[in-house]
N, C-alpha and C. Protein backbone atom coordinates (compact mmCIF):
# COMPACT_ATOMS: atom_id res chain seq x y z
N UNK A 1 72.20 -40.63 20.47
CA UNK A 1 73.39 -40.79 21.71
C UNK A 1 74.24 -39.66 21.70
N UNK A 2 74.08 -39.00 23.07
CA UNK A 2 74.89 -37.90 23.17
C UNK A 2 76.30 -37.90 22.69
N UNK A 3 76.94 -37.10 22.52
CA UNK A 3 78.49 -36.83 22.38
C UNK A 3 78.94 -36.78 23.54
N UNK A 4 79.90 -37.57 24.21
CA UNK A 4 80.35 -37.54 25.43
C UNK A 4 81.70 -36.59 25.62
N UNK A 5 82.21 -36.19 24.48
CA UNK A 5 83.51 -35.56 24.23
C UNK A 5 83.09 -34.05 24.18
N UNK A 6 82.08 -33.90 23.97
CA UNK A 6 81.93 -32.25 23.78
C UNK A 6 81.22 -31.49 25.04
N UNK A 7 81.28 -32.22 26.20
CA UNK A 7 80.94 -31.63 27.69
C UNK A 7 79.37 -31.73 27.68
N UNK A 8 78.94 -30.50 28.46
CA UNK A 8 77.57 -30.66 29.12
C UNK A 8 76.96 -29.91 28.19
N UNK A 9 75.56 -30.49 27.93
CA UNK A 9 74.78 -29.59 26.85
C UNK A 9 74.01 -28.57 27.69
N UNK A 10 74.18 -27.12 27.13
CA UNK A 10 73.09 -26.18 27.76
C UNK A 10 72.29 -25.81 26.85
N UNK A 11 70.91 -24.99 27.14
CA UNK A 11 70.26 -24.05 26.63
C UNK A 11 70.49 -22.82 27.16
N UNK A 12 70.43 -21.80 26.32
CA UNK A 12 71.15 -20.37 26.91
C UNK A 12 69.61 -20.03 27.46
N UNK A 13 69.41 -19.53 28.69
CA UNK A 13 68.53 -18.65 29.24
C UNK A 13 68.03 -17.38 28.83
N UNK A 14 69.10 -16.83 28.10
CA UNK A 14 68.84 -15.14 27.50
C UNK A 14 68.33 -15.35 26.19
N UNK A 15 69.06 -16.24 25.13
CA UNK A 15 68.90 -16.31 23.98
C UNK A 15 67.99 -17.42 23.18
N UNK A 16 68.09 -18.62 24.08
CA UNK A 16 67.48 -19.76 23.80
C UNK A 16 68.36 -20.71 22.99
N UNK A 17 69.56 -20.52 22.75
CA UNK A 17 70.71 -21.16 21.92
C UNK A 17 70.90 -22.71 22.65
N UNK A 18 71.13 -23.83 21.62
CA UNK A 18 71.57 -24.73 22.62
C UNK A 18 72.97 -24.99 22.17
N UNK A 19 73.83 -25.47 23.36
CA UNK A 19 75.36 -25.41 23.02
C UNK A 19 75.92 -26.25 24.08
N UNK A 20 77.14 -26.67 23.61
CA UNK A 20 77.71 -27.59 24.17
C UNK A 20 79.03 -26.96 25.18
N UNK A 21 79.04 -27.11 26.35
CA UNK A 21 80.33 -26.26 27.13
C UNK A 21 81.72 -26.77 26.70
N UNK A 22 81.82 -27.70 25.81
CA UNK A 22 83.13 -28.09 25.51
C UNK A 22 84.17 -28.51 26.37
N UNK A 23 83.55 -28.86 27.75
CA UNK A 23 84.21 -29.19 28.87
C UNK A 23 84.96 -28.12 29.43
N UNK A 24 84.83 -26.80 29.07
CA UNK A 24 85.25 -25.59 29.72
C UNK A 24 84.71 -25.49 30.96
N UNK A 25 85.33 -24.71 31.89
CA UNK A 25 84.81 -24.36 33.37
C UNK A 25 83.74 -23.47 33.19
N UNK A 26 83.65 -22.39 32.42
CA UNK A 26 82.60 -21.42 32.43
C UNK A 26 81.59 -21.78 31.18
N UNK A 27 80.40 -21.99 31.42
CA UNK A 27 79.62 -22.29 30.54
C UNK A 27 79.06 -21.05 30.02
N UNK A 28 79.78 -20.54 28.80
CA UNK A 28 79.41 -19.16 28.43
C UNK A 28 78.81 -19.53 26.92
N UNK A 29 77.47 -18.73 26.42
CA UNK A 29 76.79 -19.01 25.25
C UNK A 29 77.41 -18.58 24.42
N UNK A 30 77.85 -19.10 23.17
CA UNK A 30 78.91 -18.61 22.17
C UNK A 30 77.80 -17.58 20.99
N UNK A 31 76.64 -17.54 21.59
CA UNK A 31 75.75 -16.71 20.51
C UNK A 31 75.93 -15.08 21.37
N UNK A 32 75.36 -15.37 22.54
CA UNK A 32 75.08 -14.03 23.00
C UNK A 32 75.99 -13.66 24.02
N UNK A 33 76.98 -14.69 24.48
CA UNK A 33 78.07 -14.26 25.58
C UNK A 33 77.57 -14.34 26.98
N UNK A 34 76.45 -14.74 27.22
CA UNK A 34 75.73 -14.89 28.93
C UNK A 34 76.57 -15.93 29.40
N UNK A 35 76.72 -15.74 30.89
CA UNK A 35 77.23 -17.25 31.49
C UNK A 35 76.06 -17.56 32.23
N UNK A 36 76.00 -18.84 31.95
CA UNK A 36 74.92 -19.74 32.10
C UNK A 36 74.95 -19.89 33.72
N UNK A 37 75.53 -19.66 34.83
CA UNK A 37 75.44 -19.83 35.85
C UNK A 37 75.14 -18.48 36.62
N UNK A 38 74.57 -17.35 35.99
CA UNK A 38 74.13 -16.40 36.18
C UNK A 38 72.52 -16.53 36.12
N UNK A 39 71.95 -17.42 35.69
CA UNK A 39 70.86 -18.00 35.22
C UNK A 39 69.82 -17.54 36.70
N UNK A 40 68.90 -16.85 36.33
CA UNK A 40 67.94 -16.42 37.51
C UNK A 40 67.32 -17.51 38.06
N UNK A 41 67.20 -17.62 39.23
CA UNK A 41 66.41 -19.03 39.81
C UNK A 41 64.78 -18.67 39.40
N UNK A 42 64.11 -20.00 39.17
CA UNK A 42 62.60 -19.86 38.98
C UNK A 42 61.90 -19.56 40.39
N UNK A 43 61.06 -18.86 40.27
CA UNK A 43 60.11 -18.85 41.39
C UNK A 43 59.53 -20.08 41.79
N UNK A 44 59.91 -20.45 43.33
CA UNK A 44 58.70 -21.45 43.48
C UNK A 44 57.34 -21.67 43.39
N UNK A 45 56.96 -22.45 43.11
CA UNK A 45 55.15 -22.58 42.89
C UNK A 45 54.68 -23.00 44.28
N UNK A 46 53.61 -22.08 44.64
CA UNK A 46 52.86 -22.51 45.91
C UNK A 46 52.34 -23.56 45.50
N UNK A 47 52.67 -24.43 46.72
CA UNK A 47 51.95 -25.98 46.89
C UNK A 47 50.20 -25.74 46.89
N UNK A 48 49.69 -26.56 46.20
CA UNK A 48 48.16 -26.53 46.18
C UNK A 48 47.94 -27.59 47.09
N UNK A 49 46.89 -27.58 47.69
CA UNK A 49 46.02 -28.38 48.45
C UNK A 49 45.09 -29.48 47.47
N UNK A 50 44.61 -30.30 48.07
CA UNK A 50 43.73 -31.36 47.44
C UNK A 50 42.77 -30.59 46.80
N UNK A 51 41.99 -29.98 47.65
CA UNK A 51 40.76 -29.07 47.01
C UNK A 51 40.96 -28.21 45.87
N UNK A 52 42.44 -27.74 45.99
CA UNK A 52 42.61 -26.71 44.70
C UNK A 52 42.48 -27.71 43.35
N UNK A 53 42.97 -28.56 43.53
CA UNK A 53 43.15 -29.65 42.16
C UNK A 53 41.67 -30.02 41.63
N UNK A 54 40.72 -30.18 42.24
CA UNK A 54 39.59 -30.59 41.72
C UNK A 54 39.15 -29.24 40.95
N UNK A 55 38.65 -29.27 39.93
CA UNK A 55 37.91 -28.32 38.88
C UNK A 55 36.60 -28.01 39.23
N UNK A 56 36.33 -26.77 39.46
CA UNK A 56 34.98 -26.09 39.47
C UNK A 56 34.00 -26.01 38.64
N UNK A 57 33.01 -26.15 38.86
CA UNK A 57 31.96 -26.21 37.97
C UNK A 57 31.11 -25.22 38.06
N UNK A 58 30.97 -24.41 37.20
CA UNK A 58 30.56 -23.09 37.36
C UNK A 58 29.14 -23.24 36.10
N UNK A 59 28.08 -23.34 36.55
CA UNK A 59 26.92 -23.28 36.01
C UNK A 59 26.32 -21.65 35.43
N UNK A 60 26.17 -21.68 33.91
CA UNK A 60 25.71 -20.55 33.38
C UNK A 60 24.47 -20.32 33.88
N UNK A 61 24.32 -18.95 34.42
CA UNK A 61 22.92 -18.34 34.72
C UNK A 61 22.19 -18.11 33.43
N UNK A 62 20.45 -18.55 33.56
CA UNK A 62 19.88 -18.19 32.61
C UNK A 62 19.58 -16.73 32.14
N UNK A 63 19.64 -16.55 30.76
CA UNK A 63 19.60 -15.39 30.47
C UNK A 63 18.07 -14.95 30.24
N UNK A 64 17.94 -13.70 30.80
CA UNK A 64 16.18 -13.04 30.91
C UNK A 64 16.56 -12.59 29.54
N UNK A 65 15.24 -12.67 28.74
CA UNK A 65 15.00 -12.04 27.51
C UNK A 65 14.58 -10.62 27.73
N UNK A 66 15.08 -9.81 27.01
CA UNK A 66 14.45 -8.35 27.33
C UNK A 66 13.05 -8.26 26.88
N UNK A 67 12.08 -7.46 27.44
CA UNK A 67 11.00 -7.14 27.26
C UNK A 67 10.78 -6.49 25.94
N UNK A 68 9.85 -7.32 25.02
CA UNK A 68 9.54 -6.30 23.72
C UNK A 68 8.95 -5.17 23.78
N UNK A 69 8.83 -4.29 22.85
CA UNK A 69 8.18 -3.04 23.21
C UNK A 69 6.35 -3.17 23.12
N UNK A 70 5.97 -4.44 22.50
CA UNK A 70 4.78 -4.41 22.59
C UNK A 70 4.25 -5.00 23.97
N UNK A 71 5.08 -5.68 24.71
CA UNK A 71 4.92 -6.07 26.06
C UNK A 71 5.01 -4.74 26.99
N UNK A 72 5.87 -3.82 26.61
CA UNK A 72 5.99 -2.78 27.39
C UNK A 72 4.63 -1.95 27.28
N UNK A 73 4.18 -1.86 26.00
CA UNK A 73 2.50 -1.12 25.66
C UNK A 73 1.56 -1.69 26.39
N UNK A 74 1.59 -3.33 26.32
CA UNK A 74 0.34 -3.84 27.21
C UNK A 74 0.56 -3.41 28.47
N UNK A 75 1.55 -3.85 28.92
CA UNK A 75 1.95 -3.38 30.66
C UNK A 75 1.44 -1.91 31.06
N UNK A 76 1.56 -0.69 30.27
CA UNK A 76 1.25 0.65 30.47
C UNK A 76 -0.49 0.85 30.24
N UNK A 77 -1.11 0.06 29.30
CA UNK A 77 -2.50 0.12 29.23
C UNK A 77 -2.93 -0.42 30.18
N UNK A 78 -2.50 -1.70 30.56
CA UNK A 78 -3.03 -2.53 31.68
C UNK A 78 -2.87 -1.49 33.14
N UNK A 79 -1.98 -0.82 33.38
CA UNK A 79 -1.88 0.18 34.47
C UNK A 79 -2.89 1.01 34.55
N UNK A 80 -3.29 1.56 32.82
CA UNK A 80 -4.10 2.64 33.15
C UNK A 80 -5.51 2.30 33.54
N UNK A 81 -5.88 1.00 33.30
CA UNK A 81 -7.10 0.29 33.64
C UNK A 81 -7.32 0.02 34.71
N UNK A 82 -6.60 -0.36 35.57
CA UNK A 82 -6.71 -0.33 36.90
C UNK A 82 -6.65 1.08 37.77
N UNK A 83 -6.18 1.91 37.17
CA UNK A 83 -6.62 3.43 37.74
C UNK A 83 -7.69 3.85 37.85
N UNK A 84 -8.50 3.78 36.32
CA UNK A 84 -9.82 4.22 36.17
C UNK A 84 -10.75 3.26 37.01
N UNK A 85 -10.68 1.77 37.21
CA UNK A 85 -11.37 0.88 37.75
C UNK A 85 -11.30 1.43 39.21
N UNK A 86 -10.44 1.83 39.99
CA UNK A 86 -10.03 1.84 41.14
C UNK A 86 -10.75 3.12 41.48
N UNK A 87 -10.68 4.16 40.81
CA UNK A 87 -11.42 5.45 41.08
C UNK A 87 -12.61 5.55 40.98
N UNK A 88 -13.52 4.55 40.20
CA UNK A 88 -14.95 4.10 39.63
C UNK A 88 -15.43 3.58 41.17
N UNK A 89 -14.70 3.01 41.97
CA UNK A 89 -15.05 2.33 42.95
C UNK A 89 -15.10 3.20 44.57
N UNK A 90 -16.03 2.96 45.31
CA UNK A 90 -15.86 4.04 46.36
C UNK A 90 -15.04 3.56 47.23
N UNK A 91 -14.34 4.21 48.04
CA UNK A 91 -13.43 4.21 49.18
C UNK A 91 -13.93 3.52 50.49
N UNK A 92 -13.59 2.79 51.09
CA UNK A 92 -14.13 2.26 52.58
C UNK A 92 -13.93 3.21 53.65
N UNK A 93 -12.87 3.77 53.30
CA UNK A 93 -12.17 4.76 54.35
C UNK A 93 -13.14 6.06 54.50
N UNK A 94 -13.98 6.33 53.46
CA UNK A 94 -14.88 7.54 53.61
C UNK A 94 -16.05 7.29 54.25
N UNK A 95 -16.59 6.40 54.49
CA UNK A 95 -17.69 6.02 55.26
C UNK A 95 -17.16 6.18 56.91
């Protein structure tokens, strides 16, 4: 039950001390001496629309496994085989 004879309860905006103003006209913090009427005004939050309240689901992209060294060697040797076969066949442009 709040004590009615101590005045209004305040929480200092500067140091966080809780205190009663003892029914004095100036609510001054007993710890740091800051006048509570000088409290900075909180910034107004922008209004959010209906769509902003819905959470967005982001699906993770599948990770591509890096090619192993053996796969790279097989690809290199495969490329060499094509070159040798292609050079063995006559080209149609020469005819």
